[in-house]
C-alpha atoms as a PDB file:
ATOM      1  CA  MET A   1      -0.212  -0.316  -0.203  1.00  0.00           C
ATOM      2  CA  ALA A   2       1.591   3.316  -0.984  1.00  0.00           C
ATOM      3  CA  SER A   3       2.480   5.621   1.911  1.00  0.00           C
ATOM      4  CA  CYS A   4       3.362   8.683   2.352  1.00  0.00           C
ATOM      5  CA  GLU A   5       6.555  10.914   5.011  1.00  0.00           C
ATOM      6  CA  LEU A   6       4.746  13.210   7.209  1.00  0.00           C
ATOM      7  CA  TYR A   7       6.832  16.350   8.726  1.00  0.00           C
ATOM      8  CA  ALA A   8       4.980  18.798  11.537  1.00  0.00           C
ATOM      9  CA  PHE A   9       5.768  22.997  12.098  1.00  0.00           C
ATOM     10  CA  THR A  10       4.731  25.634  13.786  1.00  0.00           C
ATOM     11  CA  CYS A  11       3.890  28.793  12.734  1.00  0.00           C
ATOM     12  CA  GLY A  12       3.867  31.218  15.408  1.00  0.00           C
ATOM     13  CA  GLN A  13       2.220  31.327  18.034  1.00  0.00           C
ATOM     14  CA  LEU A  14      -1.613  33.082  19.630  1.00  0.00           C
ATOM     15  CA  THR A  15      -2.297  33.820  22.823  1.00  0.00           C
ATOM     16  CA  ILE A  16      -6.430  34.098  22.938  1.00  0.00           C
ATOM     17  CA  PRO A  17      -9.230  33.534  26.251  1.00  0.00           C
ATOM     18  CA  HIS A  18      -9.462  29.985  27.570  1.00  0.00           C
ATOM     19  CA  GLY A  19     -13.111  29.793  26.494  1.00  0.00           C
ATOM     20  CA  PHE A  20     -12.533  29.696  23.420  1.00  0.00           C
ATOM     21  CA  LEU A  21     -11.199  26.327  24.058  1.00  0.00           C
ATOM     22  CA  ILE A  22     -12.740  24.885  26.580  1.00  0.00           C
ATOM     23  CA  GLN A  23     -16.363  26.583  27.085  1.00  0.00           C
ATOM     24  CA  GLY A  24     -16.281  27.947  30.571  1.00  0.00           C
ATOM     25  CA  ALA A  25     -11.807  27.961  31.172  1.00  0.00           C
ATOM     26  CA  LYS A  26     -11.445  30.991  32.806  1.00  0.00           C
ATOM     27  CA  GLY A  27      -8.259  33.063  31.212  1.00  0.00           C
ATOM     28  CA  LYS A  28      -6.301  33.131  28.822  1.00  0.00           C
ATOM     29  CA  ILE A  29      -3.990  30.246  27.105  1.00  0.00           C
ATOM     30  CA  THR A  30      -1.243  30.643  24.152  1.00  0.00           C
ATOM     31  CA  VAL A  31      -1.649  27.713  21.141  1.00  0.00           C
ATOM     32  CA  PRO A  32       0.536  26.606  18.047  1.00  0.00           C
ATOM     33  CA  VAL A  33      -0.302  27.701  15.211  1.00  0.00           C
ATOM     34  CA  PRO A  34       0.495  24.577  13.007  1.00  0.00           C
ATOM     35  CA  SER A  35       1.012  23.442   9.381  1.00  0.00           C
ATOM     36  CA  TYR A  36       2.319  19.812   7.998  1.00  0.00           C
ATOM     37  CA  LEU A  37       3.543  18.573   4.800  1.00  0.00           C
ATOM     38  CA  ILE A  38       2.935  15.117   3.302  1.00  0.00           C
ATOM     39  CA  VAL A  39       5.118  13.035   0.364  1.00  0.00           C
ATOM     40  CA  HIS A  40       3.834  11.387  -1.503  1.00  0.00           C
ATOM     41  CA  ALA A  41       4.876  10.009  -4.982  1.00  0.00           C
ATOM     42  CA  ARG A  42       2.460  12.166  -6.878  1.00  0.00           C
ATOM     43  CA  GLY A  43       3.279  15.534  -5.176  1.00  0.00           C
ATOM     44  CA  ARG A  44       3.800  17.665  -2.075  1.00  0.00           C
ATOM     45  CA  VAL A  45       0.935  18.287  -0.087  1.00  0.00           C
ATOM     46  CA  LEU A  46       0.589  20.935   2.716  1.00  0.00           C
ATOM     47  CA  PHE A  47      -3.014  20.930   5.238  1.00  0.00           C
ATOM     48  CA  ASP A  48      -3.220  24.113   6.948  1.00  0.00           C
ATOM     49  CA  SER A  49      -0.889  26.569   5.758  1.00  0.00           C
ATOM     50  CA  GLY A  50      -0.512  29.760   8.964  1.00  0.00           C
ATOM     51  CA  LEU A  51      -0.983  33.192   9.470  1.00  0.00           C
ATOM     52  CA  HIS A  52      -0.168  36.035   6.825  1.00  0.00           C
ATOM     53  CA  VAL A  53       3.821  36.751   6.707  1.00  0.00           C
ATOM     54  CA  GLU A  54       2.348  41.025   7.159  1.00  0.00           C
ATOM     55  CA  ILE A  55       1.355  39.781  10.458  1.00  0.00           C
ATOM     56  CA  GLN A  56       4.638  39.642  11.592  1.00  0.00           C
ATOM     57  CA  ARG A  57       5.163  43.410  10.217  1.00  0.00           C
ATOM     58  CA  ASP A  58       1.708  44.424  12.277  1.00  0.00           C
ATOM     59  CA  ALA A  59      -1.247  42.787  13.194  1.00  0.00           C
ATOM     60  CA  ARG A  60      -3.042  46.026  13.124  1.00  0.00           C
ATOM     61  CA  ALA A  61      -3.083  47.224   9.802  1.00  0.00           C
ATOM     62  CA  HIS A  62      -3.811  43.434   8.529  1.00  0.00           C
ATOM     63  CA  MET A  63      -6.342  42.262  10.750  1.00  0.00           C
ATOM     64  CA  GLY A  64      -7.761  45.478  11.900  1.00  0.00           C
ATOM     65  CA  GLU A  65      -9.152  46.384  14.587  1.00  0.00           C
ATOM     66  CA  ARG A  66     -11.946  43.577  14.997  1.00  0.00           C
ATOM     67  CA  GLY A  67      -9.260  40.709  14.079  1.00  0.00           C
ATOM     68  CA  VAL A  68      -7.049  41.858  16.550  1.00  0.00           C
ATOM     69  CA  LEU A  69     -10.177  42.054  19.779  1.00  0.00           C
ATOM     70  CA  GLY A  70      -9.322  39.357  22.636  1.00  0.00           C
ATOM     71  CA  THR A  71      -5.177  38.241  21.216  1.00  0.00           C
ATOM     72  CA  THR A  72      -2.220  38.227  20.789  1.00  0.00           C
ATOM     73  CA  PHE A  73       0.117  37.676  17.737  1.00  0.00           C
ATOM     74  CA  HIS A  74       3.298  35.906  18.930  1.00  0.00           C
ATOM     75  CA  PHE A  75       5.299  35.120  14.623  1.00  0.00           C
ATOM     76  CA  SER A  76       8.423  36.580  13.632  1.00  0.00           C
ATOM     77  CA  ALA A  77      10.366  36.681  10.878  1.00  0.00           C
ATOM     78  CA  GLY A  78      10.640  32.968   9.339  1.00  0.00           C
ATOM     79  CA  GLU A  79       8.172  30.950  11.603  1.00  0.00           C
ATOM     80  CA  GLU A  80       6.251  31.465   7.577  1.00  0.00           C
ATOM     81  CA  VAL A  81       5.077  28.537   6.016  1.00  0.00           C
ATOM     82  CA  GLY A  82       7.630  29.636   3.630  1.00  0.00           C
ATOM     83  CA  ALA A  83      10.555  29.608   6.083  1.00  0.00           C
ATOM     84  CA  ARG A  84       9.188  26.289   7.850  1.00  0.00           C
ATOM     85  CA  LEU A  85       9.049  24.891   3.962  1.00  0.00           C
ATOM     86  CA  ALA A  86      12.363  25.200   3.652  1.00  0.00           C
ATOM     87  CA  SER A  87      13.192  23.928   6.532  1.00  0.00           C
ATOM     88  CA  ALA A  88      12.389  20.490   5.546  1.00  0.00           C
ATOM     89  CA  ALA A  89      14.296  21.262   1.850  1.00  0.00           C
ATOM     90  CA  CYS A  90      11.567  21.715  -0.257  1.00  0.00           C
ATOM     91  CA  ALA A  91      10.164  25.501  -2.392  1.00  0.00           C
ATOM     92  CA  PRO A  92       7.039  26.297  -1.786  1.00  0.00           C
ATOM     93  CA  GLU A  93       6.558  26.218  -5.192  1.00  0.00           C
ATOM     94  CA  ALA A  94       6.792  22.579  -5.276  1.00  0.00           C
ATOM     95  CA  ILE A  95       4.119  21.908  -3.036  1.00  0.00           C
ATOM     96  CA  THR A  96       0.607  20.342  -5.209  1.00  0.00           C
ATOM     97  CA  HIS A  97      -1.798  20.928  -3.550  1.00  0.00           C
ATOM     98  CA  VAL A  98      -2.596  22.615  -0.384  1.00  0.00           C
ATOM     99  CA  VAL A  99      -5.808  20.640   1.383  1.00  0.00           C
ATOM    100  CA  ASN A 100      -7.306  23.928   3.750  1.00  0.00           C
ATOM    101  CA  SER A 101      -9.513  21.831   7.643  1.00  0.00           C
ATOM    102  CA  HIS A 102     -11.167  25.914   7.161  1.00  0.00           C
ATOM    103  CA  LEU A 103     -10.464  29.226   6.661  1.00  0.00           C
ATOM    104  CA  HIS A 104     -10.165  30.740   9.666  1.00  0.00           C
ATOM    105  CA  TYR A 105      -6.953  33.583   8.849  1.00  0.00           C
ATOM    106  CA  ASP A 106      -4.368  30.917  10.540  1.00  0.00           C
ATOM    107  CA  HIS A 107      -5.138  27.814   9.127  1.00  0.00           C
ATOM    108  CA  CYS A 108      -5.212  29.718   5.103  1.00  0.00           C
ATOM    109  CA  GLY A 109      -3.072  33.090   6.044  1.00  0.00           C
ATOM    110  CA  GLY A 110       0.203  31.217   3.845  1.00  0.00           C
ATOM    111  CA  ASN A 111      -1.728  30.092   0.907  1.00  0.00           C
ATOM    112  CA  ALA A 112      -0.487  33.033  -0.949  1.00  0.00           C
ATOM    113  CA  GLN A 113       2.723  31.381  -0.804  1.00  0.00           C
ATOM    114  CA  LEU A 114       2.435  28.918  -2.165  1.00  0.00           C
ATOM    115  CA  PRO A 115       1.533  29.995  -5.912  1.00  0.00           C
ATOM    116  CA  ASN A 116       0.722  26.235  -7.866  1.00  0.00           C
ATOM    117  CA  ALA A 117      -1.489  24.256  -5.404  1.00  0.00           C
ATOM    118  CA  ASP A 118      -4.835  23.706  -6.159  1.00  0.00           C
ATOM    119  CA  VAL A 119      -6.509  24.464  -3.137  1.00  0.00           C
ATOM    120  CA  LEU A 120      -8.383  21.268  -1.602  1.00  0.00           C
ATOM    121  CA  VAL A 121     -11.215  22.467   0.930  1.00  0.00           C
ATOM    122  CA  GLN A 122     -14.818  21.724   1.103  1.00  0.00           C
ATOM    123  CA  ARG A 123     -17.527  23.217  -1.294  1.00  0.00           C
ATOM    124  CA  ARG A 124     -19.818  24.056   2.093  1.00  0.00           C
ATOM    125  CA  GLU A 125     -16.800  25.779   3.771  1.00  0.00           C
ATOM    126  CA  TRP A 126     -15.904  28.163   0.851  1.00  0.00           C
ATOM    127  CA  GLU A 127     -19.357  29.425   0.470  1.00  0.00           C
ATOM    128  CA  HIS A 128     -20.010  30.654   4.006  1.00  0.00           C
ATOM    129  CA  ALA A 129     -16.975  32.030   3.495  1.00  0.00           C
ATOM    130  CA  ARG A 130     -17.428  34.022   0.483  1.00  0.00           C
ATOM    131  CA  ALA A 131     -20.769  34.812   1.509  1.00  0.00           C
ATOM    132  CA  LEU A 132     -19.246  36.497   4.367  1.00  0.00           C
ATOM    133  CA  PRO A 133     -18.020  40.793   5.112  1.00  0.00           C
ATOM    134  CA  ASP A 134     -14.445  41.083   3.890  1.00  0.00           C
ATOM    135  CA  ASP A 135     -13.794  42.636   7.171  1.00  0.00           C
ATOM    136  CA  ASP A 136     -14.879  39.751   8.720  1.00  0.00           C
ATOM    137  CA  PRO A 137     -12.676  38.748  12.030  1.00  0.00           C
ATOM    138  CA  ALA A 138     -12.379  35.389  11.366  1.00  0.00           C
ATOM    139  CA  TYR A 139     -12.755  34.759   6.775  1.00  0.00           C
ATOM    140  CA  ARG A 140     -10.446  37.356   5.364  1.00  0.00           C
ATOM    141  CA  ARG A 141     -10.973  36.875   1.485  1.00  0.00           C
ATOM    142  CA  ARG A 142      -7.998  38.392   0.491  1.00  0.00           C
ATOM    143  CA  GLU A 143      -6.546  35.387   2.232  1.00  0.00           C
ATOM    144  CA  PHE A 144      -7.705  31.620   1.247  1.00  0.00           C
ATOM    145  CA  ASP A 145      -9.250  33.739  -2.319  1.00  0.00           C
ATOM    146  CA  THR A 146      -5.424  34.367  -3.347  1.00  0.00           C
ATOM    147  CA  GLY A 147      -6.048  33.145  -7.328  1.00  0.00           C
ATOM    148  CA  GLN A 148      -4.845  29.772  -7.484  1.00  0.00           C
ATOM    149  CA  ARG A 149      -7.531  26.905  -8.462  1.00  0.00           C
ATOM    150  CA  ALA A 150     -10.242  26.022  -6.457  1.00  0.00           C
ATOM    151  CA  ARG A 151     -11.313  22.534  -5.863  1.00  0.00           C
ATOM    152  CA  LEU A 152     -14.584  22.333  -4.063  1.00  0.00           C
ATOM    153  CA  LEU A 153     -14.986  18.748  -2.409  1.00  0.00           C
ATOM    154  CA  ASP A 154     -18.159  17.532  -1.369  1.00  0.00           C
ATOM    155  CA  GLY A 155     -17.263  14.652   1.542  1.00  0.00           C
ATOM    156  CA  GLU A 156     -13.933  12.753   2.027  1.00  0.00           C
ATOM    157  CA  HIS A 157     -12.717  12.764  -1.155  1.00  0.00           C
ATOM    158  CA  ASP A 158      -9.269  10.389  -1.729  1.00  0.00           C
ATOM    159  CA  LEU A 159      -6.416  12.996  -2.921  1.00  0.00           C
ATOM    160  CA  PHE A 160      -4.477  10.494  -4.905  1.00  0.00           C
ATOM    161  CA  GLY A 161      -6.833   7.387  -4.934  1.00  0.00           C
ATOM    162  CA  ASP A 162      -4.600   5.375  -2.827  1.00  0.00           C
ATOM    163  CA  GLY A 163      -5.929   5.807   0.434  1.00  0.00           C
ATOM    164  CA  ALA A 164      -2.798   6.767   0.927  1.00  0.00           C
ATOM    165  CA  VAL A 165      -4.177  11.075   1.547  1.00  0.00           C
ATOM    166  CA  VAL A 166      -8.219  11.117   2.881  1.00  0.00           C
ATOM    167  CA  CYS A 167     -10.119  14.356   3.171  1.00  0.00           C
ATOM    168  CA  PHE A 168     -12.900  14.007   5.996  1.00  0.00           C
ATOM    169  CA  PRO A 169     -15.704  16.118   6.696  1.00  0.00           C
ATOM    170  CA  SER A 170     -15.072  17.052  10.150  1.00  0.00           C
ATOM    171  CA  TYR A 171     -18.212  19.747  10.601  1.00  0.00           C
ATOM    172  CA  GLY A 172     -19.182  21.397  13.743  1.00  0.00           C
ATOM    173  CA  HIS A 173     -16.314  24.665  13.976  1.00  0.00           C
ATOM    174  CA  THR A 174     -17.118  26.262  10.819  1.00  0.00           C
ATOM    175  CA  PRO A 175     -20.400  24.879   8.291  1.00  0.00           C
ATOM    176  CA  GLY A 176     -17.831  22.636   6.779  1.00  0.00           C
ATOM    177  CA  HIS A 177     -14.686  21.604   8.723  1.00  0.00           C
ATOM    178  CA  GLN A 178     -12.969  18.706   7.523  1.00  0.00           C
ATOM    179  CA  SER A 179      -9.965  17.013   8.512  1.00  0.00           C
ATOM    180  CA  LEU A 180      -6.871  14.324   6.653  1.00  0.00           C
ATOM    181  CA  ARG A 181      -5.872  10.782   7.607  1.00  0.00           C
ATOM    182  CA  VAL A 182      -2.775  10.952   6.240  1.00  0.00           C
ATOM    183  CA  ARG A 183      -1.027   6.863   6.248  1.00  0.00           C
ATOM    184  CA  THR A 184       2.684   6.673   7.300  1.00  0.00           C
ATOM    185  CA  ALA A 185       5.100   4.205   7.538  1.00  0.00           C
ATOM    186  CA  ARG A 186       4.447   4.337  11.021  1.00  0.00           C
ATOM    187  CA  GLY A 187       0.959   4.273  10.563  1.00  0.00           C
ATOM    188  CA  GLU A 188      -1.990   6.400   9.798  1.00  0.00           C
ATOM    189  CA  PHE A 189      -2.240   9.829  11.385  1.00  0.00           C
ATOM    190  CA  VAL A 190      -4.595  12.294  11.415  1.00  0.00           C
ATOM    191  CA  LEU A 191      -4.681  15.863  11.845  1.00  0.00           C
ATOM    192  CA  CYS A 192      -7.586  17.318  13.504  1.00  0.00           C
ATOM    193  CA  GLY A 193      -7.244  21.098  12.259  1.00  0.00           C
ATOM    194  CA  ASP A 194      -9.611  22.836  15.216  1.00  0.00           C
ATOM    195  CA  ALA A 195     -12.374  20.279  15.160  1.00  0.00           C
ATOM    196  CA  CYS A 196     -10.027  18.682  18.087  1.00  0.00           C
ATOM    197  CA  TYR A 197      -8.188  21.895  19.548  1.00  0.00           C
ATOM    198  CA  LEU A 198      -6.843  19.965  22.643  1.00  0.00           C
ATOM    199  CA  ARG A 199      -6.235  16.665  24.325  1.00  0.00           C
ATOM    200  CA  GLU A 200      -8.688  17.367  27.041  1.00  0.00           C
ATOM    201  CA  SER A 201     -11.126  18.206  24.023  1.00  0.00           C
ATOM    202  CA  LEU A 202     -11.316  14.543  22.862  1.00  0.00           C
ATOM    203  CA  GLU A 203     -10.748  13.006  26.546  1.00  0.00           C
ATOM    204  CA  LYS A 204     -13.684  14.060  27.801  1.00  0.00           C
ATOM    205  CA  LEU A 205     -15.882  15.311  25.071  1.00  0.00           C
ATOM    206  CA  ALA A 206     -14.669  18.987  25.788  1.00  0.00           C
ATOM    207  CA  LEU A 207     -16.684  21.270  23.165  1.00  0.00           C
ATOM    208  CA  PRO A 208     -15.484  24.348  22.466  1.00  0.00           C
ATOM    209  CA  GLY A 209     -17.017  27.842  23.750  1.00  0.00           C
ATOM    210  CA  VAL A 210     -16.930  29.261  19.885  1.00  0.00           C
ATOM    211  CA  ILE A 211     -18.928  26.827  18.124  1.00  0.00           C
ATOM    212  CA  PHE A 212     -20.951  27.316  14.299  1.00  0.00           C
ATOM    213  CA  ASP A 213     -23.121  23.472  14.999  1.00  0.00           C
ATOM    214  CA  ARG A 214     -22.681  21.335  18.266  1.00  0.00           C
ATOM    215  CA  ASP A 215     -23.734  18.292  17.299  1.00  0.00           C
ATOM    216  CA  ALA A 216     -21.285  18.212  13.939  1.00  0.00           C
ATOM    217  CA  ALA A 217     -19.038  19.066  16.610  1.00  0.00           C
ATOM    218  CA  LEU A 218     -19.820  16.143  19.557  1.00  0.00           C
ATOM    219  CA  ALA A 219     -20.397  14.012  16.212  1.00  0.00           C
ATOM    220  CA  SER A 220     -16.018  14.606  14.854  1.00  0.00           C
ATOM    221  CA  LEU A 221     -14.973  14.151  18.158  1.00  0.00           C
ATOM    222  CA  GLN A 222     -16.144  10.352  18.437  1.00  0.00           C
ATOM    223  CA  ARG A 223     -15.478   9.743  14.985  1.00  0.00           C
ATOM    224  CA  PHE A 224     -11.922  10.939  16.449  1.00  0.00           C
ATOM    225  CA  ARG A 225     -12.520   8.114  19.013  1.00  0.00           C
ATOM    226  CA  ALA A 226     -13.515   5.497  16.783  1.00  0.00           C
ATOM    227  CA  LEU A 227      -9.825   6.207  15.284  1.00  0.00           C
ATOM    228  CA  ALA A 228      -7.528   6.714  17.885  1.00  0.00           C
ATOM    229  CA  ALA A 229      -9.501   2.739  18.979  1.00  0.00           C
ATOM    230  CA  THR A 230      -7.704   1.637  15.965  1.00  0.00           C
ATOM    231  CA  GLY A 231      -4.723   2.917  16.517  1.00  0.00           C
ATOM    232  CA  ALA A 232      -4.616   6.064  14.793  1.00  0.00           C
ATOM    233  CA  HIS A 233      -2.389   9.079  15.880  1.00  0.00           C
ATOM    234  CA  VAL A 234      -4.021  11.505  16.137  1.00  0.00           C
ATOM    235  CA  MET A 235      -2.546  15.629  15.870  1.00  0.00           C
ATOM    236  CA  PHE A 236      -4.517  17.863  18.679  1.00  0.00           C
ATOM    237  CA  GLY A 237      -4.827  20.982  16.482  1.00  0.00           C
ATOM    238  CA  HIS A 238      -3.907  24.402  19.713  1.00  0.00           C
ATOM    239  CA  ASP A 239      -2.421  21.510  22.085  1.00  0.00           C
ATOM    240  CA  PRO A 240       0.106  23.959  23.703  1.00  0.00           C
ATOM    241  CA  GLU A 241       1.510  20.729  25.993  1.00  0.00           C
ATOM    242  CA  PHE A 242       0.603  18.067  23.101  1.00  0.00           C
ATOM    243  CA  TRP A 243       2.940  20.513  20.363  1.00  0.00           C
ATOM    244  CA  ARG A 244       6.043  20.365  22.995  1.00  0.00           C
ATOM    245  CA  SER A 245       6.467  16.597  22.484  1.00  0.00           C
ATOM    246  CA  VAL A 246       5.989  17.338  17.965  1.00  0.00           C
ATOM    247  CA  ALA A 247       9.058  16.691  16.371  1.00  0.00           C
ATOM    248  CA  GLN A 248       8.923  19.314  13.610  1.00  0.00           C
ATOM    249  CA  ALA A 249      10.666  19.828  10.532  1.00  0.00           C
ATOM    250  CA  PRO A 250      13.692  18.893   9.529  1.00  0.00           C
ATOM    251  CA  ALA A 251      12.671  16.403  11.411  1.00  0.00           C
ATOM    252  CA  ARG A 252      10.268  13.339   9.941  1.00  0.00           C
ATOM    253  CA  LEU A 253       7.953  13.189  11.987  1.00  0.00           C
ATOM    254  CA  ALA A 254       6.557   9.871  10.104  1.00  0.00           C
END
């Protein structure tokens, strides 16, 4: 069976209200902004692309007053996705596909650095994002609609037709959130995006304080539990403790 190489890296950090991630949690939490490179015989795939490089220079000017409300950005030169790819000996121009879990600014902000990539996103996510005003604090059209070919998916999608890289719906955080299953020599990895922020989210089925569809989000967590029960490695989206133990590029995760 076909398998891939998998590399992980973080593209800066955000300090946000803890209650965004776990309903009822108090105070603030500083979380990583992850991205992944998948190397397949037929292409190089990026799962999520982190923050826009302009945030390094002036977050308020780029995001606007609503965009920075309640958020502190920790994002320095060299942490943008292009530089992180270079650390794995991969030029941004070599990326053939970018799979966006969803279109919030911290998951698609680096898309413009990937000029030759097709963008794979769930159709319902794309349509939801495009229906919002341009100054929406979470969805920013100049970050997700950057001129590459958009391939709009309706449900599960086997990217290369061999089961090695499979997009699957994990709705709830947003209307069209998706996650990614990646088959490697070390087994299957599940890249959750924001459908499972923290290890605690999965262990306790703890839903976040900010959510689009609670029932769908709970169903997504239950699916992750089922995948973990089969031996899959679940990669939590924004868990700072978990990410301290994750091997980052140029080291190979799997």
